[in-house]
Amino acid sequence: MNCKECGNPIAENVNFCHHCGTPTVNQPFQPQGTSISQNPYLNKTKELSGNYLKFALEVLKKPVEKMEQVDQSHFVHGIITFVLFSLFLPLVTYTNLKNILDNTFLGEAIPFTETVLLPFIYFILFFALLTGIIFAVMRATRVYTTFQHVTARIGSILIVPTAFIVLAFLLSILTAVTLSMILVIFGLFSVVINICLVIYSYRKSNDRGKVDVFYTILVTYICFGILIYLLGESFFKTLFGRLFDIF
């Protein structure tokens, strides 16, 4: 067999001419040790990101209706929302503090770790415990569900507050501090409302239970308040302790 480009003899089972490099078949050049197909992990990440974005847009159109339709397969979407909310809220706080204190000696002294990374960990812990509380209350009232399913429902309805927080972060970058903080307030208030919506979404499953959904919501909010108090006390003690060490 001869190369169609240079005419030199080549073996039958090779894809390229070893003399001039011309492909023996109609395929793009592929350097040795590489693959035409992309990295499977990269493909998986792109697919997951695309699916989450599509899911988030659907939730923003009809939050409650979409939340009631989710199942355990949306567990990862819920986790992603928890992470986004937990990350962007401290970032908004950090950026707005920098904007407010920019012209003072404290502007450059605001610690990133204490104002972003530490709150991020606490928020992740908060959502994990909140999901556990709602799951425990549902099971105690004879509502059959799973931790993954509760996570999916909380994470789906949390997309709305997360959208407020992300928009607030963008405004903080543009130094629109007042508008940014207003959106943060809306976002935090939405989280409180969402707890009620998640529990109420199980109302049909609660028909066979003996506890009215009103008392289910009431117990959950009591546990929610205790959780806020305990985590808040621990967080502010840790935060102020580190800030005093810095300043």
Protein backbone atom coordinates (compact mmCIF):
# COMPACT_ATOMS: atom_id res chain seq x y z
CA MET A 1 0.00 0.00 0.00
CA ASN A 2 1.36 3.42 -1.00
CA CYS A 3 0.63 6.88 0.44
CA LYS A 4 -1.72 8.84 -1.81
CA GLU A 5 0.18 12.05 -1.03
CA CYS A 6 3.91 11.20 -1.22
CA GLY A 7 3.77 7.74 -2.83
CA ASN A 8 5.96 6.03 -0.24
CA PRO A 9 5.01 2.51 0.88
CA ILE A 10 3.10 2.22 4.19
CA ALA A 11 1.68 -0.67 6.17
CA GLU A 12 -1.96 -1.69 5.83
CA ASN A 13 -2.94 -1.18 9.48
CA VAL A 14 -1.68 2.38 10.07
CA ASN A 15 -3.75 5.53 10.06
CA PHE A 16 -0.99 7.93 8.96
CA CYS A 17 1.90 7.95 6.55
CA HIS A 18 5.14 7.79 8.53
CA HIS A 19 6.91 9.82 5.84
CA CYS A 20 4.62 12.83 5.31
CA GLY A 21 1.98 12.44 8.02
CA THR A 22 -1.00 12.28 5.63
CA PRO A 23 -3.97 10.36 7.09
CA THR A 24 -4.70 7.09 5.31
CA VAL A 25 -8.41 7.44 6.22
CA ASN A 26 -10.72 10.44 6.34
CA GLN A 27 -10.33 11.40 9.97
CA PRO A 28 -8.91 14.46 11.78
CA PHE A 29 -5.35 14.42 13.01
CA GLN A 30 -5.07 12.94 16.50
CA PRO A 31 -1.76 13.35 18.35
CA GLN A 32 -0.45 10.27 20.07
CA GLY A 33 -1.63 9.87 23.65
CA THR A 34 -4.74 12.02 23.21
CA SER A 35 -8.35 11.22 22.57
CA ILE A 36 -10.81 12.93 20.24
CA SER A 37 -13.53 12.48 22.80
CA GLN A 38 -13.45 14.96 25.68
CA ASN A 39 -12.69 14.14 29.28
CA PRO A 40 -15.68 12.16 30.65
CA TYR A 41 -15.57 14.11 33.94
CA LEU A 42 -15.68 17.37 32.02
CA ASN A 43 -18.61 16.11 29.97
CA LYS A 44 -20.42 15.05 33.13
CA THR A 45 -19.84 18.45 34.72
CA LYS A 46 -21.15 20.26 31.64
CA GLU A 47 -24.18 18.02 31.52
CA LEU A 48 -24.91 18.52 35.22
CA SER A 49 -24.50 22.30 34.93
CA GLY A 50 -26.81 22.44 31.93
CA ASN A 51 -29.44 20.29 33.63
CA TYR A 52 -29.29 22.38 36.79
CA LEU A 53 -29.63 25.65 34.89
CA LYS A 54 -32.62 24.31 32.99
CA PHE A 55 -34.16 23.04 36.23
CA ALA A 56 -33.54 26.38 37.99
CA LEU A 57 -35.27 28.34 35.22
CA GLU A 58 -38.28 26.03 35.43
CA VAL A 59 -38.46 26.51 39.19
CA LEU A 60 -38.25 30.30 38.88
CA LYS A 61 -41.28 30.24 36.59
CA LYS A 62 -43.47 28.13 38.90
CA PRO A 63 -41.66 27.56 42.22
CA VAL A 64 -44.32 25.74 44.24
CA GLU A 65 -45.68 23.67 41.37
CA LYS A 66 -42.20 22.54 40.34
CA MET A 67 -41.23 21.80 43.95
CA GLU A 68 -44.17 19.44 44.35
CA GLN A 69 -43.08 17.56 41.22
CA VAL A 70 -39.48 16.86 42.26
CA ASP A 71 -38.37 13.46 43.48
CA GLN A 72 -35.20 11.83 44.75
CA SER A 73 -33.56 12.18 41.34
CA HIS A 74 -33.27 15.93 42.03
CA PHE A 75 -31.19 15.33 45.16
CA VAL A 76 -28.02 16.64 43.50
CA HIS A 77 -29.86 19.77 42.36
CA GLY A 78 -30.81 20.39 45.96
CA ILE A 79 -27.20 20.05 47.10
CA ILE A 80 -26.04 22.46 44.39
CA THR A 81 -28.58 25.05 45.55
CA PHE A 82 -27.45 24.69 49.16
CA VAL A 83 -23.85 25.28 48.09
CA LEU A 84 -24.69 28.30 45.91
CA PHE A 85 -26.77 29.99 48.60
CA SER A 86 -24.17 29.25 51.29
CA LEU A 87 -21.39 30.68 49.11
CA PHE A 88 -23.00 33.78 47.61
CA LEU A 89 -24.55 35.13 50.82
CA PRO A 90 -21.18 35.51 52.59
CA LEU A 91 -19.71 36.91 49.36
CA VAL A 92 -22.42 39.59 49.30
CA THR A 93 -21.64 40.49 52.91
CA TYR A 94 -17.90 40.61 52.25
CA THR A 95 -18.25 42.75 49.11
CA ASN A 96 -20.67 45.21 50.73
CA LEU A 97 -18.42 45.56 53.77
CA LYS A 98 -15.53 46.32 51.44
CA ASN A 99 -17.66 48.93 49.65
CA ILE A 100 -18.75 50.60 52.88
CA LEU A 101 -15.34 50.58 54.56
CA ASP A 102 -13.29 51.13 51.43
CA ASN A 103 -12.19 54.63 52.40
CA THR A 104 -11.31 53.70 55.97
CA PHE A 105 -8.40 51.87 57.53
CA LEU A 106 -10.67 48.85 58.01
CA GLY A 107 -11.26 48.43 54.27
CA GLU A 108 -8.14 46.38 53.68
CA ALA A 109 -8.35 44.59 57.01
CA ILE A 110 -11.61 42.70 56.41
CA PRO A 111 -10.61 39.01 56.60
CA PHE A 112 -11.86 36.85 53.76
CA THR A 113 -11.69 33.64 55.77
CA GLU A 114 -13.80 34.94 58.66
CA THR A 115 -16.40 36.70 56.51
CA VAL A 116 -16.74 34.18 53.68
CA LEU A 117 -15.30 30.73 54.37
CA LEU A 118 -16.46 30.45 57.99
CA PRO A 119 -20.08 31.52 57.22
CA PHE A 120 -20.08 29.18 54.22
CA ILE A 121 -19.37 26.22 56.49
CA TYR A 122 -22.04 27.32 58.95
CA PHE A 123 -24.66 27.74 56.23
CA ILE A 124 -23.94 24.27 54.83
CA LEU A 125 -24.31 22.87 58.35
CA PHE A 126 -27.52 24.87 58.79
CA PHE A 127 -29.16 23.45 55.66
CA ALA A 128 -28.08 19.92 56.54
CA LEU A 129 -29.63 20.23 60.00
CA LEU A 130 -32.74 21.99 58.67
CA THR A 131 -33.28 19.16 56.19
CA GLY A 132 -32.83 16.66 59.00
CA ILE A 133 -35.39 18.49 61.15
CA ILE A 134 -38.03 18.58 58.42
CA PHE A 135 -37.36 14.94 57.58
CA ALA A 136 -37.70 13.93 61.24
CA VAL A 137 -40.93 15.90 61.65
CA MET A 138 -42.38 14.33 58.50
CA ARG A 139 -41.60 10.83 59.69
CA ALA A 140 -42.91 11.60 63.18
CA THR A 141 -46.24 12.63 61.63
CA ARG A 142 -46.37 9.38 59.63
CA VAL A 143 -45.48 10.93 56.30
CA TYR A 144 -43.37 8.51 54.29
CA THR A 145 -40.47 10.29 52.65
CA THR A 146 -36.69 10.07 52.44
CA PHE A 147 -33.89 12.43 53.38
CA GLN A 148 -32.97 12.71 49.69
CA HIS A 149 -36.52 13.64 48.75
CA VAL A 150 -36.73 16.33 51.44
CA THR A 151 -33.36 17.69 50.29
CA ALA A 152 -34.64 17.86 46.71
CA ARG A 153 -37.77 19.77 47.73
CA ILE A 154 -35.96 22.24 49.97
CA GLY A 155 -33.24 22.74 47.38
CA SER A 156 -35.72 23.33 44.57
CA ILE A 157 -37.77 25.99 46.38
CA LEU A 158 -34.52 27.53 47.70
CA ILE A 159 -33.64 28.45 44.11
CA VAL A 160 -35.81 31.58 44.43
CA PRO A 161 -33.95 32.97 47.49
CA THR A 162 -30.68 31.95 45.86
CA ALA A 163 -31.60 34.00 42.79
CA PHE A 164 -32.13 37.02 45.07
CA ILE A 165 -28.74 36.45 46.70
CA VAL A 166 -26.89 36.04 43.39
CA LEU A 167 -28.47 39.23 42.06
CA ALA A 168 -27.54 40.98 45.30
CA PHE A 169 -23.94 39.86 44.79
CA LEU A 170 -23.89 41.31 41.27
CA LEU A 171 -25.25 44.61 42.60
CA SER A 172 -22.63 44.62 45.35
CA ILE A 173 -19.92 44.35 42.69
CA LEU A 174 -21.47 47.45 41.07
CA THR A 175 -21.31 49.14 44.52
CA ALA A 176 -25.12 49.36 44.75
CA VAL A 177 -24.98 48.54 48.45
CA THR A 178 -28.52 49.59 49.40
CA LEU A 179 -30.24 47.63 46.61
CA SER A 180 -27.97 44.69 47.31
CA MET A 181 -28.93 44.56 50.99
CA ILE A 182 -32.64 44.88 50.15
CA LEU A 183 -32.36 41.79 47.95
CA VAL A 184 -30.51 39.97 50.73
CA ILE A 185 -33.40 40.71 53.08
CA PHE A 186 -35.86 39.40 50.50
CA GLY A 187 -33.74 36.28 50.09
CA LEU A 188 -33.55 35.56 53.83
CA PHE A 189 -37.26 36.22 54.28
CA SER A 190 -37.98 33.82 51.41
CA VAL A 191 -36.05 31.08 53.19
CA VAL A 192 -38.34 31.39 56.21
CA ILE A 193 -41.42 31.22 53.97
CA ASN A 194 -40.04 28.25 52.08
CA ILE A 195 -39.99 26.10 55.21
CA CYS A 196 -43.76 26.40 55.41
CA LEU A 197 -44.15 25.69 51.69
CA VAL A 198 -42.03 22.54 51.86
CA ILE A 199 -44.02 21.10 54.75
CA TYR A 200 -47.33 22.07 53.17
CA SER A 201 -46.28 20.30 49.97
CA TYR A 202 -46.57 17.02 51.92
CA ARG A 203 -50.18 17.74 52.90
CA LYS A 204 -51.57 14.97 50.66
CA SER A 205 -49.20 12.44 52.17
CA ASN A 206 -50.21 13.62 55.63
CA ASP A 207 -53.89 12.71 55.16
CA ARG A 208 -53.38 9.36 56.82
CA GLY A 209 -51.53 10.92 59.76
CA LYS A 210 -53.06 12.07 63.02
CA VAL A 211 -51.26 15.42 63.22
CA ASP A 212 -52.72 18.40 61.40
CA VAL A 213 -50.32 20.15 59.01
CA PHE A 214 -50.65 23.36 61.07
CA TYR A 215 -49.03 21.71 64.09
CA THR A 216 -46.42 20.12 61.86
CA ILE A 217 -45.43 23.56 60.60
CA LEU A 218 -45.51 24.98 64.12
CA VAL A 219 -43.19 22.29 65.51
CA THR A 220 -40.83 22.76 62.59
CA TYR A 221 -40.60 26.51 63.13
CA ILE A 222 -39.90 25.98 66.83
CA CYS A 223 -37.04 23.63 65.93
CA PHE A 224 -35.94 26.12 63.27
CA GLY A 225 -35.76 28.89 65.88
CA ILE A 226 -33.73 26.74 68.25
CA LEU A 227 -31.36 25.84 65.39
CA ILE A 228 -30.91 29.51 64.46
CA TYR A 229 -30.17 30.39 68.08
CA LEU A 230 -27.61 27.63 68.63
CA LEU A 231 -25.78 28.05 65.32
CA GLY A 232 -25.97 31.84 65.53
CA GLU A 233 -24.49 31.92 69.01
CA SER A 234 -21.68 29.58 68.01
CA PHE A 235 -21.01 31.47 64.77
CA PHE A 236 -20.84 34.95 66.28
CA LYS A 237 -18.66 33.80 69.15
CA THR A 238 -16.23 32.26 66.68
CA LEU A 239 -16.41 35.22 64.29
CA PHE A 240 -15.91 37.97 66.86
CA GLY A 241 -13.22 35.97 68.60
CA ARG A 242 -11.19 35.75 65.39
CA LEU A 243 -11.86 39.38 64.48
CA PHE A 244 -10.62 40.55 67.87
CA ASP A 245 -7.48 38.48 67.38
CA ILE A 246 -6.90 40.17 63.99
CA PHE A 247 -7.57 43.74 65.06
